């Protein structure tokens, strides 16, 4: 069953761009989906995550932040797939 992941990001953030690009490459052959959420469009998200973007989550579970940890993501997907 494909998972819905969430990438919290900020426009103009090179780390966010890098993680989004790496996610596209890593998940290209899978059916997993990534919702991109710009934290600056929501005051509560901005206050909550301003120092943590990019942040990749599944629900409330943080998979990685600042940099894509491909090994941890693959382990997470393997455990939850």
PDB file of N, CA and C in Angstrom:
ATOM      1  N   UNK A   1       0.836  -1.178   0.000  1.00  0.00           N
ATOM      2  CA  UNK A   1       0.000   0.000   0.000  1.00  0.00           C
ATOM      3  C   UNK A   1       0.887   1.250   0.000  1.00  0.00           C
ATOM      4  N   UNK A   2       0.678   2.144  -0.943  1.00  0.00           N
ATOM      5  CA  UNK A   2       1.483   3.369  -1.022  1.00  0.00           C
ATOM      6  C   UNK A   2       1.252   4.262   0.200  1.00  0.00           C
ATOM      7  N   UNK A   3       2.309   4.907   0.626  1.00  0.00           N
ATOM      8  CA  UNK A   3       2.237   5.818   1.764  1.00  0.00           C
ATOM      9  C   UNK A   3       2.150   7.258   1.295  1.00  0.00           C
ATOM     10  N   UNK A   4       1.514   8.078   2.110  1.00  0.00           N
ATOM     11  CA  UNK A   4       1.450   9.522   1.884  1.00  0.00           C
ATOM     12  C   UNK A   4       2.448  10.178   2.825  1.00  0.00           C
ATOM     13  N   UNK A   5       3.485  10.770   2.274  1.00  0.00           N
ATOM     14  CA  UNK A   5       4.492  11.476   3.048  1.00  0.00           C
ATOM     15  C   UNK A   5       4.248  12.975   2.893  1.00  0.00           C
ATOM     16  N   UNK A   6       4.762  13.754   3.836  1.00  0.00           N
ATOM     17  CA  UNK A   6       4.638  15.207   3.772  1.00  0.00           C
ATOM     18  C   UNK A   6       6.020  15.823   3.867  1.00  0.00           C
ATOM     19  N   UNK A   7       6.315  16.697   2.916  1.00  0.00           N
ATOM     20  CA  UNK A   7       7.559  17.458   2.941  1.00  0.00           C
ATOM     21  C   UNK A   7       7.210  18.899   3.297  1.00  0.00           C
ATOM     22  N   UNK A   8       7.593  19.299   4.500  1.00  0.00           N
ATOM     23  CA  UNK A   8       7.420  20.691   4.918  1.00  0.00           C
ATOM     24  C   UNK A   8       8.640  21.455   4.412  1.00  0.00           C
ATOM     25  N   UNK A   9       8.394  22.545   3.713  1.00  0.00           N
ATOM     26  CA  UNK A   9       9.479  23.277   3.081  1.00  0.00           C
ATOM     27  C   UNK A   9       9.199  24.777   3.126  1.00  0.00           C
ATOM     28  N   UNK A  10      10.166  25.520   2.621  1.00  0.00           N
ATOM     29  CA  UNK A  10      10.060  26.975   2.502  1.00  0.00           C
ATOM     30  C   UNK A  10      10.600  27.362   1.130  1.00  0.00           C
ATOM     31  N   UNK A  11       9.875  28.231   0.440  1.00  0.00           N
ATOM     32  CA  UNK A  11      10.333  28.731  -0.867  1.00  0.00           C
ATOM     33  C   UNK A  11      11.697  29.394  -0.719  1.00  0.00           C
ATOM     34  N   UNK A  12      12.569  29.137  -1.681  1.00  0.00           N
ATOM     35  CA  UNK A  12      13.886  29.768  -1.680  1.00  0.00           C
ATOM     36  C   UNK A  12      14.904  29.094  -0.785  1.00  0.00           C
ATOM     37  N   UNK A  13      14.562  27.981  -0.196  1.00  0.00           N
ATOM     38  CA  UNK A  13      15.463  27.241   0.698  1.00  0.00           C
ATOM     39  C   UNK A  13      16.196  26.174  -0.125  1.00  0.00           C
ATOM     40  N   UNK A  14      17.514  26.320  -0.246  1.00  0.00           N
ATOM     41  CA  UNK A  14      18.256  25.358  -1.069  1.00  0.00           C
ATOM     42  C   UNK A  14      18.238  23.954  -0.480  1.00  0.00           C
ATOM     43  N   UNK A  15      18.210  23.830   0.846  1.00  0.00           N
ATOM     44  CA  UNK A  15      18.107  22.504   1.462  1.00  0.00           C
ATOM     45  C   UNK A  15      16.769  21.854   1.116  1.00  0.00           C
ATOM     46  N   UNK A  16      15.718  22.665   1.093  1.00  0.00           N
ATOM     47  CA  UNK A  16      14.385  22.170   0.737  1.00  0.00           C
ATOM     48  C   UNK A  16      14.364  21.695  -0.709  1.00  0.00           C
ATOM     49  N   UNK A  17      14.963  22.490  -1.595  1.00  0.00           N
ATOM     50  CA  UNK A  17      15.035  22.114  -3.007  1.00  0.00           C
ATOM     51  C   UNK A  17      15.815  20.813  -3.181  1.00  0.00           C
ATOM     52  N   UNK A  18      16.921  20.689  -2.451  1.00  0.00           N
ATOM     53  CA  UNK A  18      17.737  19.479  -2.538  1.00  0.00           C
ATOM     54  C   UNK A  18      16.963  18.250  -2.076  1.00  0.00           C
ATOM     55  N   UNK A  19      16.228  18.370  -0.961  1.00  0.00           N
ATOM     56  CA  UNK A  19      15.482  17.229  -0.459  1.00  0.00           C
ATOM     57  C   UNK A  19      14.353  16.868  -1.418  1.00  0.00           C
ATOM     58  N   UNK A  20      13.653  17.845  -1.955  1.00  0.00           N
ATOM     59  CA  UNK A  20      12.563  17.575  -2.894  1.00  0.00           C
ATOM     60  C   UNK A  20      13.094  16.849  -4.131  1.00  0.00           C
ATOM     61  N   UNK A  21      14.226  17.298  -4.651  1.00  0.00           N
ATOM     62  CA  UNK A  21      14.828  16.663  -5.818  1.00  0.00           C
ATOM     63  C   UNK A  21      15.224  15.221  -5.506  1.00  0.00           C
ATOM     64  N   UNK A  22      15.876  15.014  -4.376  1.00  0.00           N
ATOM     65  CA  UNK A  22      16.309  13.670  -3.986  1.00  0.00           C
ATOM     66  C   UNK A  22      15.114  12.739  -3.765  1.00  0.00           C
ATOM     67  N   UNK A  23      14.052  13.271  -3.182  1.00  0.00           N
ATOM     68  CA  UNK A  23      12.839  12.465  -2.983  1.00  0.00           C
ATOM     69  C   UNK A  23      12.244  12.035  -4.315  1.00  0.00           C
ATOM     70  N   UNK A  24      12.178  12.960  -5.266  1.00  0.00           N
ATOM     71  CA  UNK A  24      11.638  12.618  -6.595  1.00  0.00           C
ATOM     72  C   UNK A  24      12.430  11.477  -7.213  1.00  0.00           C
ATOM     73  N   UNK A  25      13.748  11.553  -7.131  1.00  0.00           N
ATOM     74  CA  UNK A  25      14.598  10.503  -7.701  1.00  0.00           C
ATOM     75  C   UNK A  25      14.415   9.182  -6.956  1.00  0.00           C
ATOM     76  N   UNK A  26      14.415   9.231  -5.641  1.00  0.00           N
ATOM     77  CA  UNK A  26      14.334   8.022  -4.830  1.00  0.00           C
ATOM     78  C   UNK A  26      12.988   7.320  -4.956  1.00  0.00           C
ATOM     79  N   UNK A  27      11.920   8.093  -5.071  1.00  0.00           N
ATOM     80  CA  UNK A  27      10.572   7.511  -5.092  1.00  0.00           C
ATOM     81  C   UNK A  27       9.971   7.398  -6.492  1.00  0.00           C
ATOM     82  N   UNK A  28      10.748   7.721  -7.517  1.00  0.00           N
ATOM     83  CA  UNK A  28      10.225   7.745  -8.887  1.00  0.00           C
ATOM     84  C   UNK A  28       9.581   6.429  -9.302  1.00  0.00           C
ATOM     85  N   UNK A  29      10.158   5.319  -8.915  1.00  0.00           N
ATOM     86  CA  UNK A  29       9.642   4.016  -9.333  1.00  0.00           C
ATOM     87  C   UNK A  29       8.610   3.452  -8.354  1.00  0.00           C
ATOM     88  N   UNK A  30       8.276   4.203  -7.333  1.00  0.00           N
ATOM     89  CA  UNK A  30       7.323   3.714  -6.329  1.00  0.00           C
ATOM     90  C   UNK A  30       5.972   4.402  -6.500  1.00  0.00           C
ATOM     91  N   UNK A  31       5.009   3.939  -5.746  1.00  0.00           N
ATOM     92  CA  UNK A  31       3.685   4.559  -5.760  1.00  0.00           C
ATOM     93  C   UNK A  31       3.480   5.483  -4.568  1.00  0.00           C
ATOM     94  N   UNK A  32       4.514   5.648  -3.751  1.00  0.00           N
ATOM     95  CA  UNK A  32       4.412   6.541  -2.598  1.00  0.00           C
ATOM     96  C   UNK A  32       4.246   7.975  -3.089  1.00  0.00           C
ATOM     97  N   UNK A  33       3.495   8.747  -2.328  1.00  0.00           N
ATOM     98  CA  UNK A  33       3.237  10.140  -2.700  1.00  0.00           C
ATOM     99  C   UNK A  33       3.827  11.079  -1.660  1.00  0.00           C
ATOM    100  N   UNK A  34       4.225  12.244  -2.146  1.00  0.00           N
ATOM    101  CA  UNK A  34       4.770  13.275  -1.262  1.00  0.00           C
ATOM    102  C   UNK A  34       3.953  14.545  -1.462  1.00  0.00           C
ATOM    103  N   UNK A  35       3.335  14.998  -0.384  1.00  0.00           N
ATOM    104  CA  UNK A  35       2.631  16.281  -0.399  1.00  0.00           C
ATOM    105  C   UNK A  35       3.625  17.345   0.036  1.00  0.00           C
ATOM    106  N   UNK A  36       3.745  18.404  -0.736  1.00  0.00           N
ATOM    107  CA  UNK A  36       4.641  19.512  -0.412  1.00  0.00           C
ATOM    108  C   UNK A  36       3.833  20.599   0.279  1.00  0.00           C
ATOM    109  N   UNK A  37       4.265  20.986   1.482  1.00  0.00           N
ATOM    110  CA  UNK A  37       3.564  21.996   2.268  1.00  0.00           C
ATOM    111  C   UNK A  37       4.529  23.137   2.581  1.00  0.00           C
ATOM    112  N   UNK A  38       4.215  24.317   2.050  1.00  0.00           N
ATOM    113  CA  UNK A  38       5.017  25.513   2.299  1.00  0.00           C
ATOM    114  C   UNK A  38       4.625  26.062   3.668  1.00  0.00           C
ATOM    115  N   UNK A  39       5.537  25.989   4.630  1.00  0.00           N
ATOM    116  CA  UNK A  39       5.201  26.397   5.996  1.00  0.00           C
ATOM    117  C   UNK A  39       4.889  27.885   6.100  1.00  0.00           C
ATOM    118  N   UNK A  40       5.402  28.690   5.170  1.00  0.00           N
ATOM    119  CA  UNK A  40       5.169  30.129   5.236  1.00  0.00           C
ATOM    120  C   UNK A  40       3.740  30.519   4.872  1.00  0.00           C
ATOM    121  N   UNK A  41       2.958  29.581   4.401  1.00  0.00           N
ATOM    122  CA  UNK A  41       1.554  29.848   4.067  1.00  0.00           C
ATOM    123  C   UNK A  41       0.620  29.577   5.247  1.00  0.00           C
ATOM    124  N   UNK A  42       1.189  29.117   6.353  1.00  0.00           N
ATOM    125  CA  UNK A  42       0.393  28.792   7.539  1.00  0.00           C
ATOM    126  C   UNK A  42       1.172  29.252   8.770  1.00  0.00           C
ATOM    127  N   UNK A  43       0.638  30.241   9.473  1.00  0.00           N
ATOM    128  CA  UNK A  43       1.353  30.841  10.613  1.00  0.00           C
ATOM    129  C   UNK A  43       1.730  29.801  11.666  1.00  0.00           C
ATOM    130  N   UNK A  44       0.831  28.881  11.963  1.00  0.00           N
ATOM    131  CA  UNK A  44       1.111  27.855  12.979  1.00  0.00           C
ATOM    132  C   UNK A  44       2.244  26.931  12.528  1.00  0.00           C
ATOM    133  N   UNK A  45       2.229  26.519  11.260  1.00  0.00           N
ATOM    134  CA  UNK A  45       3.307  25.667  10.746  1.00  0.00           C
ATOM    135  C   UNK A  45       4.627  26.419  10.733  1.00  0.00           C
ATOM    136  N   UNK A  46       4.588  27.683  10.387  1.00  0.00           N
ATOM    137  CA  UNK A  46       5.804  28.497  10.368  1.00  0.00           C
ATOM    138  C   UNK A  46       6.415  28.582  11.760  1.00  0.00           C
ATOM    139  N   UNK A  47       5.586  28.816  12.754  1.00  0.00           N
ATOM    140  CA  UNK A  47       6.086  28.892  14.126  1.00  0.00           C
ATOM    141  C   UNK A  47       6.612  27.534  14.599  1.00  0.00           C
ATOM    142  N   UNK A  48       5.948  26.482  14.189  1.00  0.00           N
ATOM    143  CA  UNK A  48       6.317  25.131  14.643  1.00  0.00           C
ATOM    144  C   UNK A  48       7.591  24.611  13.976  1.00  0.00           C
ATOM    145  N   UNK A  49       7.742  24.871  12.665  1.00  0.00           N
ATOM    146  CA  UNK A  49       8.812  24.233  11.898  1.00  0.00           C
ATOM    147  C   UNK A  49       9.861  25.178  11.344  1.00  0.00           C
ATOM    148  N   UNK A  50       9.832  26.446  11.676  1.00  0.00           N
ATOM    149  CA  UNK A  50      10.695  27.422  11.010  1.00  0.00           C
ATOM    150  C   UNK A  50      12.171  27.047  11.001  1.00  0.00           C
ATOM    151  N   UNK A  51      12.683  26.426  12.055  1.00  0.00           N
ATOM    152  CA  UNK A  51      14.100  26.056  12.107  1.00  0.00           C
ATOM    153  C   UNK A  51      14.345  24.622  11.651  1.00  0.00           C
ATOM    154  N   UNK A  52      13.303  23.914  11.279  1.00  0.00           N
ATOM    155  CA  UNK A  52      13.437  22.490  10.974  1.00  0.00           C
ATOM    156  C   UNK A  52      13.273  22.122   9.504  1.00  0.00           C
ATOM    157  N   UNK A  53      12.976  23.069   8.632  1.00  0.00           N
ATOM    158  CA  UNK A  53      12.771  22.718   7.231  1.00  0.00           C
ATOM    159  C   UNK A  53      14.095  22.484   6.520  1.00  0.00           C
ATOM    160  N   UNK A  54      14.101  21.596   5.551  1.00  0.00           N
ATOM    161  CA  UNK A  54      13.002  20.733   5.167  1.00  0.00           C
ATOM    162  C   UNK A  54      12.799  19.623   6.188  1.00  0.00           C
ATOM    163  N   UNK A  55      11.566  19.187   6.265  1.00  0.00           N
ATOM    164  CA  UNK A  55      11.174  18.168   7.233  1.00  0.00           C
ATOM    165  C   UNK A  55      10.280  17.166   6.515  1.00  0.00           C
ATOM    166  N   UNK A  56      10.671  15.900   6.516  1.00  0.00           N
ATOM    167  CA  UNK A  56       9.894  14.850   5.872  1.00  0.00           C
ATOM    168  C   UNK A  56       9.205  14.029   6.950  1.00  0.00           C
ATOM    169  N   UNK A  57       7.876  13.909   6.823  1.00  0.00           N
ATOM    170  CA  UNK A  57       7.079  13.222   7.841  1.00  0.00           C
ATOM    171  C   UNK A  57       6.107  12.241   7.206  1.00  0.00           C
ATOM    172  N   UNK A  58       5.673  11.327   8.029  1.00  0.00           N
ATOM    173  CA  UNK A  58       4.518  10.474   7.720  1.00  0.00           C
ATOM    174  C   UNK A  58       3.588  10.662   8.908  1.00  0.00           C
ATOM    175  N   UNK A  59       2.503  11.389   8.692  1.00  0.00           N
ATOM    176  CA  UNK A  59       1.637  11.758   9.808  1.00  0.00           C
ATOM    177  C   UNK A  59       2.434  12.616  10.771  1.00  0.00           C
ATOM    178  N   UNK A  60       2.446  12.228  12.044  1.00  0.00           N
ATOM    179  CA  UNK A  60       3.200  12.967  13.056  1.00  0.00           C
ATOM    180  C   UNK A  60       4.623  12.445  13.234  1.00  0.00           C
ATOM    181  N   UNK A  61       4.975  11.397  12.501  1.00  0.00           N
ATOM    182  CA  UNK A  61       6.299  10.794  12.651  1.00  0.00           C
ATOM    183  C   UNK A  61       7.306  11.479  11.734  1.00  0.00           C
ATOM    184  N   UNK A  62       8.367  12.009  12.321  1.00  0.00           N
ATOM    185  CA  UNK A  62       9.435  12.656  11.555  1.00  0.00           C
ATOM    186  C   UNK A  62      10.368  11.577  11.033  1.00  0.00           C
ATOM    187  N   UNK A  63      10.587  11.599   9.729  1.00  0.00           N
ATOM    188  CA  UNK A  63      11.509  10.644   9.113  1.00  0.00           C
ATOM    189  C   UNK A  63      12.904  11.255   9.041  1.00  0.00           C
ATOM    190  N   UNK A  64      12.989  12.505   8.573  1.00  0.00           N
ATOM    191  CA  UNK A  64      14.277  13.196   8.559  1.00  0.00           C
ATOM    192  C   UNK A  64      14.052  14.692   8.399  1.00  0.00           C
ATOM    193  N   UNK A  65      15.055  15.456   8.791  1.00  0.00           N
ATOM    194  CA  UNK A  65      14.976  16.906   8.628  1.00  0.00           C
ATOM    195  C   UNK A  65      16.334  17.441   8.196  1.00  0.00           C
ATOM    196  N   UNK A  66      16.277  18.570   7.527  1.00  0.00           N
ATOM    197  CA  UNK A  66      17.428  19.288   6.980  1.00  0.00           C
ATOM    198  C   UNK A  66      18.055  18.593   5.765  1.00  0.00           C
ATOM    199  N   UNK A  67      18.267  17.286   5.846  1.00  0.00           N
ATOM    200  CA  UNK A  67      18.857  16.519   4.750  1.00  0.00           C
ATOM    201  C   UNK A  67      18.113  15.206   4.618  1.00  0.00           C
ATOM    202  N   UNK A  68      17.964  14.723   3.398  1.00  0.00           N
ATOM    203  CA  UNK A  68      17.308  13.443   3.184  1.00  0.00           C
ATOM    204  C   UNK A  68      18.235  12.332   3.645  1.00  0.00           C
ATOM    205  N   UNK A  69      17.754  11.525   4.559  1.00  0.00           N
ATOM    206  CA  UNK A  69      18.462  10.332   5.007  1.00  0.00           C
ATOM    207  C   UNK A  69      17.839   9.171   4.239  1.00  0.00           C
ATOM    208  N   UNK A  70      18.403   8.870   3.066  1.00  0.00           N
ATOM    209  CA  UNK A  70      17.827   7.868   2.165  1.00  0.00           C
ATOM    210  C   UNK A  70      17.740   6.500   2.832  1.00  0.00           C
ATOM    211  N   UNK A  71      18.737   6.149   3.610  1.00  0.00           N
ATOM    212  CA  UNK A  71      18.733   4.851   4.286  1.00  0.00           C
ATOM    213  C   UNK A  71      17.584   4.772   5.298  1.00  0.00           C
ATOM    214  N   UNK A  72      17.410   5.812   6.079  1.00  0.00           N
ATOM    215  CA  UNK A  72      16.330   5.839   7.058  1.00  0.00           C
ATOM    216  C   UNK A  72      14.964   5.824   6.373  1.00  0.00           C
ATOM    217  N   UNK A  73      14.825   6.573   5.263  1.00  0.00           N
ATOM    218  CA  UNK A  73      13.570   6.585   4.524  1.00  0.00           C
ATOM    219  C   UNK A  73      13.267   5.205   3.956  1.00  0.00           C
ATOM    220  N   UNK A  74      14.249   4.554   3.361  1.00  0.00           N
ATOM    221  CA  UNK A  74      14.029   3.220   2.806  1.00  0.00           C
ATOM    222  C   UNK A  74      13.669   2.223   3.900  1.00  0.00           C
ATOM    223  N   UNK A  75      14.303   2.337   5.059  1.00  0.00           N
ATOM    224  CA  UNK A  75      13.973   1.471   6.193  1.00  0.00           C
ATOM    225  C   UNK A  75      12.534   1.738   6.633  1.00  0.00           C
ATOM    226  N   UNK A  76      12.146   2.999   6.734  1.00  0.00           N
ATOM    227  CA  UNK A  76      10.793   3.364   7.126  1.00  0.00           C
ATOM    228  C   UNK A  76       9.775   2.805   6.132  1.00  0.00           C
ATOM    229  N   UNK A  77      10.031   2.969   4.854  1.00  0.00           N
ATOM    230  CA  UNK A  77       9.111   2.480   3.829  1.00  0.00           C
ATOM    231  C   UNK A  77       9.012   0.959   3.872  1.00  0.00           C
ATOM    232  N   UNK A  78      10.118   0.300   4.125  1.00  0.00           N
ATOM    233  CA  UNK A  78      10.125  -1.169   4.209  1.00  0.00           C
ATOM    234  C   UNK A  78       9.316  -1.673   5.399  1.00  0.00           C
ATOM    235  N   UNK A  79       9.384  -0.959   6.515  1.00  0.00           N
ATOM    236  CA  UNK A  79       8.662  -1.353   7.724  1.00  0.00           C
ATOM    237  C   UNK A  79       7.183  -1.061   7.618  1.00  0.00           C
ATOM    238  N   UNK A  80       6.802  -0.074   6.810  1.00  0.00           N
ATOM    239  CA  UNK A  80       5.415   0.373   6.752  1.00  0.00           C
ATOM    240  C   UNK A  80       4.723   0.029   5.439  1.00  0.00           C
ATOM    241  N   UNK A  81       5.353  -0.743   4.617  1.00  0.00           N
ATOM    242  CA  UNK A  81       4.770  -1.060   3.311  1.00  0.00           C
ATOM    243  C   UNK A  81       4.126  -2.422   3.324  1.00  0.00           C
TER     244      UNK A  81
END
